[in-house]
């Protein structure tokens, strides 16, 4: 091997180590299934979107509620969804749902404010199968409206 080949080989090996050092480790996940029922006041109908969140995420000054995990579509009534629950970035499970009463695919617009939402925090998110029922009844509310709850005065 001549000097030019050694230099190229050294540059290639260095680049590989630099790229490997910059990669993020694989996330620590566990399979989870969430089941439950999405219910609404009588007479309300439409497709439902369900969003899954960590109840709390991170620590210290960066600690915040409702770190997004996954979303899926459903209907009013029973639901079941399996997903990979990230273990290292948060704790707990909150399930937010909204019903698209006008079928436009958007949770409320400035002109149409009929879509209803709700959020429920799981009692125990340590299990592989968690049951969470959600009542949608608040018009045009995002998940941050519901959690953390406002203390009673």
C-alpha atoms as a PDB file:
ATOM      1  CA  UNK A   1       0.000   0.000   0.000  1.00  0.00           C
ATOM      2  CA  UNK A   2       1.353   3.364  -0.927  1.00  0.00           C
ATOM      3  CA  UNK A   3       1.072   6.542   1.135  1.00  0.00           C
ATOM      4  CA  UNK A   4      -1.969   7.854  -0.846  1.00  0.00           C
ATOM      5  CA  UNK A   5      -3.920   4.615  -0.222  1.00  0.00           C
ATOM      6  CA  UNK A   6      -3.153   4.761   3.520  1.00  0.00           C
ATOM      7  CA  UNK A   7      -4.332   8.380   3.675  1.00  0.00           C
ATOM      8  CA  UNK A   8      -7.585   7.524   1.878  1.00  0.00           C
ATOM      9  CA  UNK A   9      -8.166   4.517   4.120  1.00  0.00           C
ATOM     10  CA  UNK A  10      -7.539   6.642   7.230  1.00  0.00           C
ATOM     11  CA  UNK A  11      -9.988   9.311   5.981  1.00  0.00           C
ATOM     12  CA  UNK A  12     -12.649   6.669   5.276  1.00  0.00           C
ATOM     13  CA  UNK A  13     -12.279   5.025   8.696  1.00  0.00           C
ATOM     14  CA  UNK A  14     -12.377   8.436  10.417  1.00  0.00           C
ATOM     15  CA  UNK A  15     -15.555   9.398   8.527  1.00  0.00           C
ATOM     16  CA  UNK A  16     -17.234   6.142   9.527  1.00  0.00           C
ATOM     17  CA  UNK A  17     -16.417   6.672  13.212  1.00  0.00           C
ATOM     18  CA  UNK A  18     -17.594  10.297  13.110  1.00  0.00           C
ATOM     19  CA  UNK A  19     -20.904   9.327  11.498  1.00  0.00           C
ATOM     20  CA  UNK A  20     -21.410   6.432  13.922  1.00  0.00           C
ATOM     21  CA  UNK A  21     -20.720   8.741  16.875  1.00  0.00           C
ATOM     22  CA  UNK A  22     -23.348  11.224  15.689  1.00  0.00           C
ATOM     23  CA  UNK A  23     -26.139   8.702  15.320  1.00  0.00           C
ATOM     24  CA  UNK A  24     -28.851   8.506  17.952  1.00  0.00           C
ATOM     25  CA  UNK A  25     -29.409   5.279  19.865  1.00  0.00           C
ATOM     26  CA  UNK A  26     -32.457   3.210  19.053  1.00  0.00           C
ATOM     27  CA  UNK A  27     -35.470   4.379  21.084  1.00  0.00           C
ATOM     28  CA  UNK A  28     -36.502   2.159  23.969  1.00  0.00           C
ATOM     29  CA  UNK A  29     -40.054   1.051  23.061  1.00  0.00           C
ATOM     30  CA  UNK A  30     -42.562  -1.441  24.376  1.00  0.00           C
ATOM     31  CA  UNK A  31     -45.684  -2.659  22.636  1.00  0.00           C
ATOM     32  CA  UNK A  32     -48.914  -1.336  24.118  1.00  0.00           C
ATOM     33  CA  UNK A  33     -52.571  -1.658  23.215  1.00  0.00           C
ATOM     34  CA  UNK A  34     -55.061   1.001  24.223  1.00  0.00           C
ATOM     35  CA  UNK A  35     -58.782   0.209  24.214  1.00  0.00           C
ATOM     36  CA  UNK A  36     -61.843   2.043  25.329  1.00  0.00           C
ATOM     37  CA  UNK A  37     -64.914   3.898  24.188  1.00  0.00           C
ATOM     38  CA  UNK A  38     -65.289   7.359  22.699  1.00  0.00           C
ATOM     39  CA  UNK A  39     -68.709   8.701  23.617  1.00  0.00           C
ATOM     40  CA  UNK A  40     -70.523  11.932  22.796  1.00  0.00           C
ATOM     41  CA  UNK A  41     -73.778  13.655  23.715  1.00  0.00           C
ATOM     42  CA  UNK A  42     -76.898  12.202  22.116  1.00  0.00           C
ATOM     43  CA  UNK A  43     -77.374  13.199  18.474  1.00  0.00           C
ATOM     44  CA  UNK A  44     -73.662  13.837  17.798  1.00  0.00           C
ATOM     45  CA  UNK A  45     -72.084  11.843  14.971  1.00  0.00           C
ATOM     46  CA  UNK A  46     -69.058  11.862  12.713  1.00  0.00           C
ATOM     47  CA  UNK A  47     -65.610  10.356  12.338  1.00  0.00           C
ATOM     48  CA  UNK A  48     -63.256  10.515  15.309  1.00  0.00           C
ATOM     49  CA  UNK A  49     -59.536  11.256  15.576  1.00  0.00           C
ATOM     50  CA  UNK A  50     -57.742   9.868  18.602  1.00  0.00           C
ATOM     51  CA  UNK A  51     -54.344  11.202  19.690  1.00  0.00           C
ATOM     52  CA  UNK A  52     -52.090   9.511  22.240  1.00  0.00           C
ATOM     53  CA  UNK A  53     -49.735  11.490  24.473  1.00  0.00           C
ATOM     54  CA  UNK A  54     -47.341  10.941  27.333  1.00  0.00           C
ATOM     55  CA  UNK A  55     -49.015  12.552  30.328  1.00  0.00           C
ATOM     56  CA  UNK A  56     -45.659  14.186  31.221  1.00  0.00           C
ATOM     57  CA  UNK A  57     -42.356  14.347  29.371  1.00  0.00           C
ATOM     58  CA  UNK A  58     -38.727  15.176  30.202  1.00  0.00           C
ATOM     59  CA  UNK A  59     -37.449  16.530  33.538  1.00  0.00           C
ATOM     60  CA  UNK A  60     -36.470  19.746  35.288  1.00  0.00           C
ATOM     61  CA  UNK A  61     -36.928  23.001  33.378  1.00  0.00           C
ATOM     62  CA  UNK A  62     -37.858  21.039  30.233  1.00  0.00           C
ATOM     63  CA  UNK A  63     -40.673  19.043  31.892  1.00  0.00           C
ATOM     64  CA  UNK A  64     -43.964  19.549  30.076  1.00  0.00           C
ATOM     65  CA  UNK A  65     -47.357  17.835  29.687  1.00  0.00           C
ATOM     66  CA  UNK A  66     -48.694  16.056  26.619  1.00  0.00           C
ATOM     67  CA  UNK A  67     -45.769  14.783  24.542  1.00  0.00           C
ATOM     68  CA  UNK A  68     -47.268  13.397  21.313  1.00  0.00           C
ATOM     69  CA  UNK A  69     -46.903   9.648  20.705  1.00  0.00           C
ATOM     70  CA  UNK A  70     -49.348   8.525  17.983  1.00  0.00           C
ATOM     71  CA  UNK A  71     -52.676   9.215  16.295  1.00  0.00           C
ATOM     72  CA  UNK A  72     -55.306   7.103  14.563  1.00  0.00           C
ATOM     73  CA  UNK A  73     -58.819   7.419  13.173  1.00  0.00           C
ATOM     74  CA  UNK A  74     -61.914   5.788  14.602  1.00  0.00           C
ATOM     75  CA  UNK A  75     -65.624   6.177  15.169  1.00  0.00           C
ATOM     76  CA  UNK A  76     -67.792   6.934  18.164  1.00  0.00           C
ATOM     77  CA  UNK A  77     -68.016   3.807  20.278  1.00  0.00           C
ATOM     78  CA  UNK A  78     -65.393   1.200  21.089  1.00  0.00           C
ATOM     79  CA  UNK A  79     -61.839   1.495  19.787  1.00  0.00           C
ATOM     80  CA  UNK A  80     -58.601  -0.494  19.987  1.00  0.00           C
ATOM     81  CA  UNK A  81     -55.135   0.534  18.826  1.00  0.00           C
ATOM     82  CA  UNK A  82     -51.708  -1.078  19.205  1.00  0.00           C
ATOM     83  CA  UNK A  83     -48.568   1.064  19.099  1.00  0.00           C
ATOM     84  CA  UNK A  84     -44.992   1.315  20.377  1.00  0.00           C
ATOM     85  CA  UNK A  85     -44.879   3.225  23.657  1.00  0.00           C
ATOM     86  CA  UNK A  86     -41.627   5.228  24.054  1.00  0.00           C
ATOM     87  CA  UNK A  87     -40.193   4.540  27.515  1.00  0.00           C
ATOM     88  CA  UNK A  88     -37.369   7.076  27.725  1.00  0.00           C
ATOM     89  CA  UNK A  89     -39.053  10.384  26.901  1.00  0.00           C
ATOM     90  CA  UNK A  90     -42.122  10.457  29.102  1.00  0.00           C
ATOM     91  CA  UNK A  91     -44.512   8.842  31.521  1.00  0.00           C
ATOM     92  CA  UNK A  92     -48.193   8.109  31.699  1.00  0.00           C
ATOM     93  CA  UNK A  93     -50.737   8.051  28.898  1.00  0.00           C
ATOM     94  CA  UNK A  94     -53.343  10.645  27.939  1.00  0.00           C
ATOM     95  CA  UNK A  95     -55.926   9.964  25.247  1.00  0.00           C
ATOM     96  CA  UNK A  96     -57.407  12.947  23.410  1.00  0.00           C
ATOM     97  CA  UNK A  97     -60.283  12.531  20.950  1.00  0.00           C
ATOM     98  CA  UNK A  98     -62.334  14.834  18.799  1.00  0.00           C
ATOM     99  CA  UNK A  99     -65.361  14.118  16.647  1.00  0.00           C
ATOM    100  CA  UNK A 100     -65.552  15.749  13.227  1.00  0.00           C
ATOM    101  CA  UNK A 101     -69.240  16.674  13.312  1.00  0.00           C
ATOM    102  CA  UNK A 102     -69.166  18.490   9.948  1.00  0.00           C
ATOM    103  CA  UNK A 103     -66.900  15.987   8.154  1.00  0.00           C
ATOM    104  CA  UNK A 104     -64.367  18.557   6.921  1.00  0.00           C
ATOM    105  CA  UNK A 105     -61.326  16.781   8.431  1.00  0.00           C
ATOM    106  CA  UNK A 106     -60.404  19.808  10.551  1.00  0.00           C
ATOM    107  CA  UNK A 107     -60.997  20.294  14.276  1.00  0.00           C
ATOM    108  CA  UNK A 108     -62.978  23.536  14.003  1.00  0.00           C
ATOM    109  CA  UNK A 109     -62.468  26.537  11.779  1.00  0.00           C
ATOM    110  CA  UNK A 110     -63.180  30.217  12.467  1.00  0.00           C
ATOM    111  CA  UNK A 111     -66.513  29.817  10.669  1.00  0.00           C
ATOM    112  CA  UNK A 112     -67.643  26.370  11.920  1.00  0.00           C
ATOM    113  CA  UNK A 113     -67.216  25.646  15.664  1.00  0.00           C
ATOM    114  CA  UNK A 114     -69.238  22.429  16.107  1.00  0.00           C
ATOM    115  CA  UNK A 115     -66.544  19.761  16.548  1.00  0.00           C
ATOM    116  CA  UNK A 116     -66.366  18.299  20.065  1.00  0.00           C
ATOM    117  CA  UNK A 117     -63.300  17.120  21.990  1.00  0.00           C
ATOM    118  CA  UNK A 118     -62.317  15.441  25.246  1.00  0.00           C
ATOM    119  CA  UNK A 119     -59.280  14.007  27.023  1.00  0.00           C
ATOM    120  CA  UNK A 120     -58.783  11.299  29.628  1.00  0.00           C
ATOM    121  CA  UNK A 121     -55.586  10.299  31.452  1.00  0.00           C
ATOM    122  CA  UNK A 122     -55.052   6.557  31.931  1.00  0.00           C
ATOM    123  CA  UNK A 123     -55.124   5.409  35.535  1.00  0.00           C
ATOM    124  CA  UNK A 124     -52.147   3.068  35.004  1.00  0.00           C
ATOM    125  CA  UNK A 125     -49.994   3.242  31.880  1.00  0.00           C
ATOM    126  CA  UNK A 126     -47.567   0.582  33.143  1.00  0.00           C
ATOM    127  CA  UNK A 127     -49.589  -2.274  31.657  1.00  0.00           C
ATOM    128  CA  UNK A 128     -49.280  -3.690  28.133  1.00  0.00           C
ATOM    129  CA  UNK A 129     -53.030  -3.229  27.672  1.00  0.00           C
ATOM    130  CA  UNK A 130     -54.680  -0.044  28.939  1.00  0.00           C
ATOM    131  CA  UNK A 131     -58.366   0.903  28.873  1.00  0.00           C
ATOM    132  CA  UNK A 132     -59.227   4.591  28.503  1.00  0.00           C
ATOM    133  CA  UNK A 133     -62.747   5.942  27.877  1.00  0.00           C
ATOM    134  CA  UNK A 134     -63.089   9.462  26.477  1.00  0.00           C
ATOM    135  CA  UNK A 135     -66.197  11.652  26.521  1.00  0.00           C
ATOM    136  CA  UNK A 136     -66.137  14.313  23.808  1.00  0.00           C
ATOM    137  CA  UNK A 137     -68.263  17.278  24.809  1.00  0.00           C
ATOM    138  CA  UNK A 138     -66.195  20.481  24.709  1.00  0.00           C
ATOM    139  CA  UNK A 139     -66.482  22.413  21.433  1.00  0.00           C
ATOM    140  CA  UNK A 140     -63.252  23.332  19.618  1.00  0.00           C
ATOM    141  CA  UNK A 141     -60.784  22.449  22.355  1.00  0.00           C
ATOM    142  CA  UNK A 142     -57.241  21.208  21.884  1.00  0.00           C
ATOM    143  CA  UNK A 143     -55.606  18.756  24.288  1.00  0.00           C
ATOM    144  CA  UNK A 144     -53.847  21.548  26.195  1.00  0.00           C
ATOM    145  CA  UNK A 145     -57.261  22.863  27.327  1.00  0.00           C
ATOM    146  CA  UNK A 146     -57.857  19.659  29.313  1.00  0.00           C
ATOM    147  CA  UNK A 147     -54.415  18.951  30.759  1.00  0.00           C
ATOM    148  CA  UNK A 148     -52.952  19.761  33.141  1.00  0.00           C
ATOM    149  CA  UNK A 149     -56.285  20.335  34.818  1.00  0.00           C
ATOM    150  CA  UNK A 150     -56.979  23.736  36.309  1.00  0.00           C
ATOM    151  CA  UNK A 151     -56.975  23.499  40.119  1.00  0.00           C
ATOM    152  CA  UNK A 152     -60.348  23.970  41.800  1.00  0.00           C
ATOM    153  CA  UNK A 153     -60.731  27.358  43.459  1.00  0.00           C
END
